[in-house]
Full PDB file with SEQRES, HELIX, SHEET, SSBOND, CRYST1, ORIGX, SCALE, CONECT and MASTER records, all heavy atoms in Angstrom:
SEQRES   1 A   33  LYS MET THR VAL PHE LEU GLN MET ASN SER PRO LYS PRO          
SEQRES   2 A   33  GLU ASP THR ALA VAL TYR TYR CYS THR ALA TRP GLY VAL          
SEQRES   3 A   33  ARG GLU ASP TYR TRP GLY GLN                                  
HELIX    1 AA1 PRO A   13  ASP A   15  5                                   3    
SHEET    1 AA1 2 THR A  22  TRP A  24  0                                        
SHEET    2 AA1 2 ASP A  29  TRP A  31 -1                                        
CRYST1    1.000    1.000    1.000  90.00  90.00  90.00 P 1           1          
ORIGX1      1.000000  0.000000  0.000000        0.00000                         
ORIGX2      0.000000  1.000000  0.000000        0.00000                         
ORIGX3      0.000000  0.000000  1.000000        0.00000                         
SCALE1      1.000000  0.000000  0.000000        0.00000                         
SCALE2      0.000000  1.000000  0.000000        0.00000                         
SCALE3      0.000000  0.000000  1.000000        0.00000                         
ATOM      1  N   LYS A   1    -120.419 -70.238 -34.842  1.00  0.00           N  
ATOM      2  CA  LYS A   1    -121.605 -69.752 -34.142  1.00  0.00           C  
ATOM      3  C   LYS A   1    -122.067 -68.405 -34.656  1.00  0.00           C  
ATOM      4  O   LYS A   1    -123.069 -67.878 -34.163  1.00  0.00           O  
ATOM      5  CB  LYS A   1    -121.329 -69.667 -32.641  1.00  0.00           C  
ATOM      6  CG  LYS A   1    -121.035 -71.002 -31.982  1.00  0.00           C  
ATOM      7  CD  LYS A   1    -120.812 -70.838 -30.490  1.00  0.00           C  
ATOM      8  CE  LYS A   1    -120.516 -72.170 -29.827  1.00  0.00           C  
ATOM      9  NZ  LYS A   1    -121.681 -73.082 -29.914  1.00  0.00           N  
ATOM     10  N   MET A   2    -121.348 -67.843 -35.629  1.00  0.00           N  
ATOM     11  CA  MET A   2    -121.657 -66.524 -36.173  1.00  0.00           C  
ATOM     12  C   MET A   2    -121.814 -65.499 -35.055  1.00  0.00           C  
ATOM     13  O   MET A   2    -122.791 -64.747 -35.000  1.00  0.00           O  
ATOM     14  CB  MET A   2    -122.915 -66.575 -37.041  1.00  0.00           C  
ATOM     15  CG  MET A   2    -122.725 -67.368 -38.330  1.00  0.00           C  
ATOM     16  SD  MET A   2    -121.314 -66.782 -39.311  1.00  0.00           S  
ATOM     17  CE  MET A   2    -121.720 -65.055 -39.530  1.00  0.00           C  
ATOM     18  N   THR A   3    -120.830 -65.493 -34.183  1.00  0.00           N  
ATOM     19  CA  THR A   3    -120.873 -64.635 -33.007  1.00  0.00           C  
ATOM     20  C   THR A   3    -119.562 -63.876 -32.858  1.00  0.00           C  
ATOM     21  O   THR A   3    -118.482 -64.436 -33.072  1.00  0.00           O  
ATOM     22  CB  THR A   3    -121.139 -65.464 -31.740  1.00  0.00           C  
ATOM     23  OG1 THR A   3    -122.379 -66.169 -31.886  1.00  0.00           O  
ATOM     24  CG2 THR A   3    -121.213 -64.569 -30.521  1.00  0.00           C  
ATOM     25  N   VAL A   4    -119.679 -62.607 -32.493  1.00  0.00           N  
ATOM     26  CA  VAL A   4    -118.531 -61.761 -32.198  1.00  0.00           C  
ATOM     27  C   VAL A   4    -118.572 -61.405 -30.728  1.00  0.00           C  
ATOM     28  O   VAL A   4    -119.648 -61.163 -30.168  1.00  0.00           O  
ATOM     29  CB  VAL A   4    -118.533 -60.492 -33.068  1.00  0.00           C  
ATOM     30  CG1 VAL A   4    -117.403 -59.554 -32.666  1.00  0.00           C  
ATOM     31  CG2 VAL A   4    -118.403 -60.863 -34.535  1.00  0.00           C  
ATOM     32  N   PHE A   5    -117.410 -61.364 -30.097  1.00  0.00           N  
ATOM     33  CA  PHE A   5    -117.317 -61.087 -28.676  1.00  0.00           C  
ATOM     34  C   PHE A   5    -116.485 -59.839 -28.418  1.00  0.00           C  
ATOM     35  O   PHE A   5    -115.631 -59.461 -29.216  1.00  0.00           O  
ATOM     36  CB  PHE A   5    -116.668 -62.262 -27.931  1.00  0.00           C  
ATOM     37  CG  PHE A   5    -117.329 -63.579 -28.179  1.00  0.00           C  
ATOM     38  CD1 PHE A   5    -116.851 -64.438 -29.157  1.00  0.00           C  
ATOM     39  CD2 PHE A   5    -118.421 -63.971 -27.432  1.00  0.00           C  
ATOM     40  CE1 PHE A   5    -117.447 -65.661 -29.387  1.00  0.00           C  
ATOM     41  CE2 PHE A   5    -119.033 -65.194 -27.650  1.00  0.00           C  
ATOM     42  CZ  PHE A   5    -118.549 -66.037 -28.627  1.00  0.00           C  
ATOM     43  N   LEU A   6    -116.741 -59.227 -27.291  1.00  0.00           N  
ATOM     44  CA  LEU A   6    -115.894 -58.163 -26.795  1.00  0.00           C  
ATOM     45  C   LEU A   6    -115.562 -58.492 -25.345  1.00  0.00           C  
ATOM     46  O   LEU A   6    -116.430 -58.397 -24.473  1.00  0.00           O  
ATOM     47  CB  LEU A   6    -116.565 -56.794 -26.887  1.00  0.00           C  
ATOM     48  CG  LEU A   6    -115.686 -55.613 -26.466  1.00  0.00           C  
ATOM     49  CD1 LEU A   6    -114.538 -55.428 -27.462  1.00  0.00           C  
ATOM     50  CD2 LEU A   6    -116.503 -54.332 -26.348  1.00  0.00           C  
ATOM     51  N   GLN A   7    -114.326 -58.910 -25.113  1.00  0.00           N  
ATOM     52  CA  GLN A   7    -113.869 -59.212 -23.766  1.00  0.00           C  
ATOM     53  C   GLN A   7    -113.354 -57.932 -23.132  1.00  0.00           C  
ATOM     54  O   GLN A   7    -112.426 -57.306 -23.649  1.00  0.00           O  
ATOM     55  CB  GLN A   7    -112.760 -60.268 -23.797  1.00  0.00           C  
ATOM     56  CG  GLN A   7    -112.210 -60.647 -22.435  1.00  0.00           C  
ATOM     57  CD  GLN A   7    -113.209 -61.405 -21.589  1.00  0.00           C  
ATOM     58  OE1 GLN A   7    -113.953 -62.233 -22.104  1.00  0.00           O  
ATOM     59  NE2 GLN A   7    -113.237 -61.109 -20.293  1.00  0.00           N  
ATOM     60  N   MET A   8    -113.960 -57.543 -22.032  1.00  0.00           N  
ATOM     61  CA  MET A   8    -113.619 -56.307 -21.350  1.00  0.00           C  
ATOM     62  C   MET A   8    -112.917 -56.659 -20.045  1.00  0.00           C  
ATOM     63  O   MET A   8    -113.555 -57.066 -19.075  1.00  0.00           O  
ATOM     64  CB  MET A   8    -114.865 -55.466 -21.084  1.00  0.00           C  
ATOM     65  CG  MET A   8    -115.674 -55.157 -22.340  1.00  0.00           C  
ATOM     66  SD  MET A   8    -117.294 -54.411 -21.994  1.00  0.00           S  
ATOM     67  CE  MET A   8    -116.822 -52.907 -21.156  1.00  0.00           C  
ATOM     68  N   ASN A   9    -111.610 -56.512 -20.032  1.00  0.00           N  
ATOM     69  CA  ASN A   9    -110.825 -56.737 -18.829  1.00  0.00           C  
ATOM     70  C   ASN A   9    -110.443 -55.408 -18.205  1.00  0.00           C  
ATOM     71  O   ASN A   9    -110.212 -54.428 -18.902  1.00  0.00           O  
ATOM     72  CB  ASN A   9    -109.569 -57.545 -19.149  1.00  0.00           C  
ATOM     73  CG  ASN A   9    -109.875 -58.955 -19.587  1.00  0.00           C  
ATOM     74  OD1 ASN A   9    -110.880 -59.542 -19.203  1.00  0.00           O  
ATOM     75  ND2 ASN A   9    -108.989 -59.528 -20.400  1.00  0.00           N  
ATOM     76  N   SER A  10    -110.364 -55.402 -16.896  1.00  0.00           N  
ATOM     77  CA  SER A  10    -110.040 -54.188 -16.143  1.00  0.00           C  
ATOM     78  C   SER A  10    -110.879 -52.997 -16.591  1.00  0.00           C  
ATOM     79  O   SER A  10    -110.344 -51.927 -16.900  1.00  0.00           O  
ATOM     80  CB  SER A  10    -108.549 -53.864 -16.281  1.00  0.00           C  
ATOM     81  OG  SER A  10    -107.755 -54.915 -15.795  1.00  0.00           O  
ATOM     82  N   PRO A  11    -112.191 -53.150 -16.654  1.00  0.00           N  
ATOM     83  CA  PRO A  11    -113.019 -52.024 -17.081  1.00  0.00           C  
ATOM     84  C   PRO A  11    -112.938 -50.869 -16.086  1.00  0.00           C  
ATOM     85  O   PRO A  11    -112.707 -51.077 -14.891  1.00  0.00           O  
ATOM     86  CB  PRO A  11    -114.423 -52.619 -17.143  1.00  0.00           C  
ATOM     87  CG  PRO A  11    -114.397 -53.735 -16.154  1.00  0.00           C  
ATOM     88  CD  PRO A  11    -113.009 -54.314 -16.264  1.00  0.00           C  
ATOM     89  N   LYS A  12    -113.137 -49.675 -16.605  1.00  0.00           N  
ATOM     90  CA  LYS A  12    -113.110 -48.462 -15.815  1.00  0.00           C  
ATOM     91  C   LYS A  12    -114.480 -47.798 -15.827  1.00  0.00           C  
ATOM     92  O   LYS A  12    -115.278 -48.047 -16.729  1.00  0.00           O  
ATOM     93  CB  LYS A  12    -112.068 -47.484 -16.372  1.00  0.00           C  
ATOM     94  CG  LYS A  12    -110.663 -48.051 -16.499  1.00  0.00           C  
ATOM     95  CD  LYS A  12    -109.743 -47.056 -17.188  1.00  0.00           C  
ATOM     96  CE  LYS A  12    -108.347 -47.610 -17.350  1.00  0.00           C  
ATOM     97  NZ  LYS A  12    -107.455 -46.640 -18.043  1.00  0.00           N  
ATOM     98  N   PRO A  13    -114.766 -46.951 -14.840  1.00  0.00           N  
ATOM     99  CA  PRO A  13    -116.054 -46.250 -14.848  1.00  0.00           C  
ATOM    100  C   PRO A  13    -116.316 -45.507 -16.153  1.00  0.00           C  
ATOM    101  O   PRO A  13    -117.471 -45.418 -16.591  1.00  0.00           O  
ATOM    102  CB  PRO A  13    -115.938 -45.283 -13.663  1.00  0.00           C  
ATOM    103  CG  PRO A  13    -115.030 -45.988 -12.720  1.00  0.00           C  
ATOM    104  CD  PRO A  13    -114.015 -46.683 -13.601  1.00  0.00           C  
ATOM    105  N   GLU A  14    -115.277 -44.975 -16.779  1.00  0.00           N  
ATOM    106  CA  GLU A  14    -115.453 -44.266 -18.038  1.00  0.00           C  
ATOM    107  C   GLU A  14    -115.814 -45.179 -19.202  1.00  0.00           C  
ATOM    108  O   GLU A  14    -116.115 -44.698 -20.297  1.00  0.00           O  
ATOM    109  CB  GLU A  14    -114.200 -43.441 -18.388  1.00  0.00           C  
ATOM    110  CG  GLU A  14    -112.911 -44.225 -18.302  1.00  0.00           C  
ATOM    111  CD  GLU A  14    -112.193 -44.012 -16.985  1.00  0.00           C  
ATOM    112  OE1 GLU A  14    -112.855 -44.055 -15.934  1.00  0.00           O  
ATOM    113  OE2 GLU A  14    -110.956 -43.795 -17.018  1.00  0.00           O  
ATOM    114  N   ASP A  15    -115.778 -46.492 -18.994  1.00  0.00           N  
ATOM    115  CA  ASP A  15    -116.240 -47.431 -20.004  1.00  0.00           C  
ATOM    116  C   ASP A  15    -117.754 -47.600 -19.973  1.00  0.00           C  
ATOM    117  O   ASP A  15    -118.310 -48.290 -20.834  1.00  0.00           O  
ATOM    118  CB  ASP A  15    -115.579 -48.798 -19.819  1.00  0.00           C  
ATOM    119  CG  ASP A  15    -114.081 -48.767 -20.046  1.00  0.00           C  
ATOM    120  OD1 ASP A  15    -113.632 -48.074 -20.989  1.00  0.00           O  
ATOM    121  OD2 ASP A  15    -113.352 -49.437 -19.291  1.00  0.00           O  
ATOM    122  N   THR A  16    -118.411 -47.010 -18.993  1.00  0.00           N  
ATOM    123  CA  THR A  16    -119.859 -47.102 -18.887  1.00  0.00           C  
ATOM    124  C   THR A  16    -120.517 -46.490 -20.117  1.00  0.00           C  
ATOM    125  O   THR A  16    -120.259 -45.340 -20.463  1.00  0.00           O  
ATOM    126  CB  THR A  16    -120.352 -46.391 -17.627  1.00  0.00           C  
ATOM    127  OG1 THR A  16    -119.866 -47.081 -16.466  1.00  0.00           O  
ATOM    128  CG2 THR A  16    -121.870 -46.367 -17.569  1.00  0.00           C  
ATOM    129  N   ALA A  17    -121.353 -47.261 -20.785  1.00  0.00           N  
ATOM    130  CA  ALA A  17    -122.006 -46.809 -22.012  1.00  0.00           C  
ATOM    131  C   ALA A  17    -122.947 -47.905 -22.499  1.00  0.00           C  
ATOM    132  O   ALA A  17    -122.956 -49.017 -21.966  1.00  0.00           O  
ATOM    133  CB  ALA A  17    -120.968 -46.496 -23.095  1.00  0.00           C  
ATOM    134  N   VAL A  18    -123.719 -47.573 -23.519  1.00  0.00           N  
ATOM    135  CA  VAL A  18    -124.457 -48.580 -24.258  1.00  0.00           C  
ATOM    136  C   VAL A  18    -123.554 -49.063 -25.382  1.00  0.00           C  
ATOM    137  O   VAL A  18    -123.038 -48.253 -26.156  1.00  0.00           O  
ATOM    138  CB  VAL A  18    -125.775 -48.034 -24.829  1.00  0.00           C  
ATOM    139  CG1 VAL A  18    -126.482 -49.098 -25.663  1.00  0.00           C  
ATOM    140  CG2 VAL A  18    -126.685 -47.565 -23.699  1.00  0.00           C  
ATOM    141  N   TYR A  19    -123.353 -50.354 -25.452  1.00  0.00           N  
ATOM    142  CA  TYR A  19    -122.470 -50.941 -26.454  1.00  0.00           C  
ATOM    143  C   TYR A  19    -123.303 -51.532 -27.584  1.00  0.00           C  
ATOM    144  O   TYR A  19    -124.261 -52.273 -27.347  1.00  0.00           O  
ATOM    145  CB  TYR A  19    -121.579 -52.009 -25.826  1.00  0.00           C  
ATOM    146  CG  TYR A  19    -120.443 -51.428 -25.014  1.00  0.00           C  
ATOM    147  CD1 TYR A  19    -120.696 -50.805 -23.797  1.00  0.00           C  
ATOM    148  CD2 TYR A  19    -119.130 -51.478 -25.467  1.00  0.00           C  
ATOM    149  CE1 TYR A  19    -119.671 -50.241 -23.059  1.00  0.00           C  
ATOM    150  CE2 TYR A  19    -118.098 -50.923 -24.734  1.00  0.00           C  
ATOM    151  CZ  TYR A  19    -118.372 -50.309 -23.530  1.00  0.00           C  
ATOM    152  OH  TYR A  19    -117.345 -49.760 -22.803  1.00  0.00           O  
ATOM    153  N   TYR A  20    -122.913 -51.203 -28.817  1.00  0.00           N  
ATOM    154  CA  TYR A  20    -123.641 -51.635 -30.003  1.00  0.00           C  
ATOM    155  C   TYR A  20    -122.768 -52.506 -30.889  1.00  0.00           C  
ATOM    156  O   TYR A  20    -121.646 -52.136 -31.220  1.00  0.00           O  
ATOM    157  CB  TYR A  20    -124.104 -50.433 -30.829  1.00  0.00           C  
ATOM    158  CG  TYR A  20    -125.074 -49.518 -30.121  1.00  0.00           C  
ATOM    159  CD1 TYR A  20    -124.616 -48.446 -29.360  1.00  0.00           C  
ATOM    160  CD2 TYR A  20    -126.442 -49.716 -30.224  1.00  0.00           C  
ATOM    161  CE1 TYR A  20    -125.493 -47.600 -28.715  1.00  0.00           C  
ATOM    162  CE2 TYR A  20    -127.328 -48.870 -29.588  1.00  0.00           C  
ATOM    163  CZ  TYR A  20    -126.855 -47.813 -28.839  1.00  0.00           C  
ATOM    164  OH  TYR A  20    -127.736 -46.973 -28.207  1.00  0.00           O  
ATOM    165  N   CYS A  21    -123.295 -53.627 -31.283  1.00  0.00           N  
ATOM    166  CA  CYS A  21    -122.653 -54.464 -32.281  1.00  0.00           C  
ATOM    167  C   CYS A  21    -122.957 -53.896 -33.664  1.00  0.00           C  
ATOM    168  O   CYS A  21    -124.081 -53.450 -33.923  1.00  0.00           O  
ATOM    169  CB  CYS A  21    -123.168 -55.898 -32.167  1.00  0.00           C  
ATOM    170  SG  CYS A  21    -122.438 -57.064 -33.333  1.00  0.00           S  
ATOM    171  N   THR A  22    -121.965 -53.891 -34.537  1.00  0.00           N  
ATOM    172  CA  THR A  22    -122.102 -53.326 -35.869  1.00  0.00           C  
ATOM    173  C   THR A  22    -121.589 -54.298 -36.914  1.00  0.00           C  
ATOM    174  O   THR A  22    -120.579 -54.969 -36.708  1.00  0.00           O  
ATOM    175  CB  THR A  22    -121.318 -52.006 -35.989  1.00  0.00           C  
ATOM    176  OG1 THR A  22    -121.776 -51.085 -34.997  1.00  0.00           O  
ATOM    177  CG2 THR A  22    -121.506 -51.387 -37.367  1.00  0.00           C  
ATOM    178  N   ALA A  23    -122.292 -54.364 -38.032  1.00  0.00           N  
ATOM    179  CA  ALA A  23    -121.863 -55.157 -39.173  1.00  0.00           C  
ATOM    180  C   ALA A  23    -121.849 -54.279 -40.406  1.00  0.00           C  
ATOM    181  O   ALA A  23    -122.858 -53.643 -40.730  1.00  0.00           O  
ATOM    182  CB  ALA A  23    -122.779 -56.359 -39.382  1.00  0.00           C  
ATOM    183  N   TRP A  24    -120.707 -54.238 -41.080  1.00  0.00           N  
ATOM    184  CA  TRP A  24    -120.594 -53.494 -42.337  1.00  0.00           C  
ATOM    185  C   TRP A  24    -120.880 -54.470 -43.473  1.00  0.00           C  
ATOM    186  O   TRP A  24    -120.142 -55.436 -43.672  1.00  0.00           O  
ATOM    187  CB  TRP A  24    -119.208 -52.898 -42.480  1.00  0.00           C  
ATOM    188  CG  TRP A  24    -118.950 -51.734 -41.569  1.00  0.00           C  
ATOM    189  CD1 TRP A  24    -119.164 -50.416 -41.845  1.00  0.00           C  
ATOM    190  CD2 TRP A  24    -118.431 -51.791 -40.235  1.00  0.00           C  
ATOM    191  NE1 TRP A  24    -118.801 -49.640 -40.760  1.00  0.00           N  
ATOM    192  CE2 TRP A  24    -118.346 -50.459 -39.766  1.00  0.00           C  
ATOM    193  CE3 TRP A  24    -118.020 -52.832 -39.401  1.00  0.00           C  
ATOM    194  CZ2 TRP A  24    -117.875 -50.151 -38.494  1.00  0.00           C  
ATOM    195  CZ3 TRP A  24    -117.551 -52.517 -38.136  1.00  0.00           C  
ATOM    196  CH2 TRP A  24    -117.488 -51.198 -37.694  1.00  0.00           C  
ATOM    197  N   GLY A  25    -121.959 -54.224 -44.200  1.00  0.00           N  
ATOM    198  CA  GLY A  25    -122.389 -55.110 -45.265  1.00  0.00           C  
ATOM    199  C   GLY A  25    -122.009 -54.605 -46.633  1.00  0.00           C  
ATOM    200  O   GLY A  25    -121.388 -53.548 -46.792  1.00  0.00           O  
ATOM    201  N   VAL A  26    -122.404 -55.381 -47.630  1.00  0.00           N  
ATOM    202  CA  VAL A  26    -122.087 -55.049 -49.009  1.00  0.00           C  
ATOM    203  C   VAL A  26    -122.784 -53.764 -49.447  1.00  0.00           C  
ATOM    204  O   VAL A  26    -122.174 -52.898 -50.082  1.00  0.00           O  
ATOM    205  CB  VAL A  26    -122.467 -56.208 -49.944  1.00  0.00           C  
ATOM    206  CG1 VAL A  26    -122.259 -55.819 -51.401  1.00  0.00           C  
ATOM    207  CG2 VAL A  26    -121.653 -57.450 -49.603  1.00  0.00           C  
ATOM    208  N   ARG A  27    -124.068 -53.627 -49.091  1.00  0.00           N  
ATOM    209  CA  ARG A  27    -124.849 -52.478 -49.525  1.00  0.00           C  
ATOM    210  C   ARG A  27    -125.296 -51.564 -48.394  1.00  0.00           C  
ATOM    211  O   ARG A  27    -125.704 -50.423 -48.641  1.00  0.00           O  
ATOM    212  CB  ARG A  27    -126.080 -52.949 -50.307  1.00  0.00           C  
ATOM    213  CG  ARG A  27    -125.736 -53.741 -51.565  1.00  0.00           C  
ATOM    214  CD  ARG A  27    -126.979 -54.123 -52.337  1.00  0.00           C  
ATOM    215  NE  ARG A  27    -127.736 -52.947 -52.770  1.00  0.00           N  
ATOM    216  CZ  ARG A  27    -127.470 -52.231 -53.861  1.00  0.00           C  
ATOM    217  NH1 ARG A  27    -126.457 -52.589 -54.646  1.00  0.00           N  
ATOM    218  NH2 ARG A  27    -128.205 -51.185 -54.173  1.00  0.00           N  
ATOM    219  N   GLU A  28    -125.246 -52.028 -47.184  1.00  0.00           N  
ATOM    220  CA  GLU A  28    -125.685 -51.233 -46.052  1.00  0.00           C  
ATOM    221  C   GLU A  28    -125.042 -51.739 -44.775  1.00  0.00           C  
ATOM    222  O   GLU A  28    -124.460 -52.818 -44.734  1.00  0.00           O  
ATOM    223  CB  GLU A  28    -127.208 -51.254 -45.934  1.00  0.00           C  
ATOM    224  CG  GLU A  28    -127.788 -52.642 -45.774  1.00  0.00           C  
ATOM    225  CD  GLU A  28    -129.305 -52.638 -45.831  1.00  0.00           C  
ATOM    226  OE1 GLU A  28    -129.913 -51.728 -45.231  1.00  0.00           O  
ATOM    227  OE2 GLU A  28    -129.877 -53.531 -46.477  1.00  0.00           O  
ATOM    228  N   ASP A  29    -125.165 -50.944 -43.724  1.00  0.00           N  
ATOM    229  CA  ASP A  29    -124.636 -51.296 -42.417  1.00  0.00           C  
ATOM    230  C   ASP A  29    -125.767 -51.705 -41.481  1.00  0.00           C  
ATOM    231  O   ASP A  29    -126.910 -51.265 -41.626  1.00  0.00           O  
ATOM    232  CB  ASP A  29    -123.861 -50.130 -41.814  1.00  0.00           C  
ATOM    233  CG  ASP A  29    -122.714 -49.692 -42.691  1.00  0.00           C  
ATOM    234  OD1 ASP A  29    -122.160 -50.546 -43.418  1.00  0.00           O  
ATOM    235  OD2 ASP A  29    -122.357 -48.500 -42.659  1.00  0.00           O  
ATOM    236  N   TYR A  30    -125.440 -52.529 -40.507  1.00  0.00           N  
ATOM    237  CA  TYR A  30    -126.431 -53.051 -39.580  1.00  0.00           C  
ATOM    238  C   TYR A  30    -125.993 -52.786 -38.143  1.00  0.00           C  
ATOM    239  O   TYR A  30    -124.804 -52.763 -37.833  1.00  0.00           O  
ATOM    240  CB  TYR A  30    -126.630 -54.552 -39.794  1.00  0.00           C  
ATOM    241  CG  TYR A  30    -126.976 -54.915 -41.214  1.00  0.00           C  
ATOM    242  CD1 TYR A  30    -125.986 -55.275 -42.116  1.00  0.00           C  
ATOM    243  CD2 TYR A  30    -128.293 -54.892 -41.663  1.00  0.00           C  
ATOM    244  CE1 TYR A  30    -126.293 -55.599 -43.429  1.00  0.00           C  
ATOM    245  CE2 TYR A  30    -128.607 -55.212 -42.973  1.00  0.00           C  
ATOM    246  CZ  TYR A  30    -127.604 -55.566 -43.852  1.00  0.00           C  
ATOM    247  OH  TYR A  30    -127.917 -55.882 -45.160  1.00  0.00           O  
ATOM    248  N   TRP A  31    -126.981 -52.596 -37.284  1.00  0.00           N  
ATOM    249  CA  TRP A  31    -126.734 -52.288 -35.879  1.00  0.00           C  
ATOM    250  C   TRP A  31    -127.586 -53.162 -34.976  1.00  0.00           C  
ATOM    251  O   TRP A  31    -128.753 -53.437 -35.267  1.00  0.00           O  
ATOM    252  CB  TRP A  31    -127.047 -50.823 -35.576  1.00  0.00           C  
ATOM    253  CG  TRP A  31    -126.159 -49.860 -36.290  1.00  0.00           C  
ATOM    254  CD1 TRP A  31    -126.282 -49.421 -37.571  1.00  0.00           C  
ATOM    255  CD2 TRP A  31    -125.009 -49.206 -35.753  1.00  0.00           C  
ATOM    256  NE1 TRP A  31    -125.280 -48.535 -37.870  1.00  0.00           N  
ATOM    257  CE2 TRP A  31    -124.482 -48.383 -36.781  1.00  0.00           C  
ATOM    258  CE3 TRP A  31    -124.375 -49.234 -34.513  1.00  0.00           C  
ATOM    259  CZ2 TRP A  31    -123.346 -47.598 -36.596  1.00  0.00           C  
ATOM    260  CZ3 TRP A  31    -123.247 -48.451 -34.327  1.00  0.00           C  
ATOM    261  CH2 TRP A  31    -122.749 -47.650 -35.358  1.00  0.00           C  
ATOM    262  N   GLY A  32    -127.002 -53.583 -33.873  1.00  0.00           N  
ATOM    263  CA  GLY A  32    -127.776 -54.230 -32.840  1.00  0.00           C  
ATOM    264  C   GLY A  32    -128.541 -53.194 -32.029  1.00  0.00           C  
ATOM    265  O   GLY A  32    -128.380 -51.986 -32.220  1.00  0.00           O  
ATOM    266  N   GLN A  33    -129.376 -53.647 -31.118  1.00  0.00           N  
ATOM    267  CA  GLN A  33    -130.172 -52.738 -30.306  1.00  0.00           C  
ATOM    268  C   GLN A  33    -129.402 -52.153 -29.134  1.00  0.00           C  
ATOM    269  O   GLN A  33    -129.859 -51.195 -28.511  1.00  0.00           O  
ATOM    270  CB  GLN A  33    -131.428 -53.447 -29.798  1.00  0.00           C  
ATOM    271  CG  GLN A  33    -132.381 -53.840 -30.918  1.00  0.00           C  
ATOM    272  CD  GLN A  33    -133.677 -54.435 -30.410  1.00  0.00           C  
ATOM    273  OE1 GLN A  33    -133.923 -54.478 -29.197  1.00  0.00           O  
ATOM    274  NE2 GLN A  33    -134.515 -54.894 -31.321  1.00  0.00           N  
TER     275      GLN A  33                                                      
MASTER        0    0    0    1    2    0    0    6  274    1    0    3          
END                                                                             
């Protein structure tokens, strides 16, 4: 499915943030919104 997951168990208030998916490519890096 060309999909990466992040399973967050027992999250804490300090985990509050904007989470970004990142891909390291051959010539450049890519970021989700």
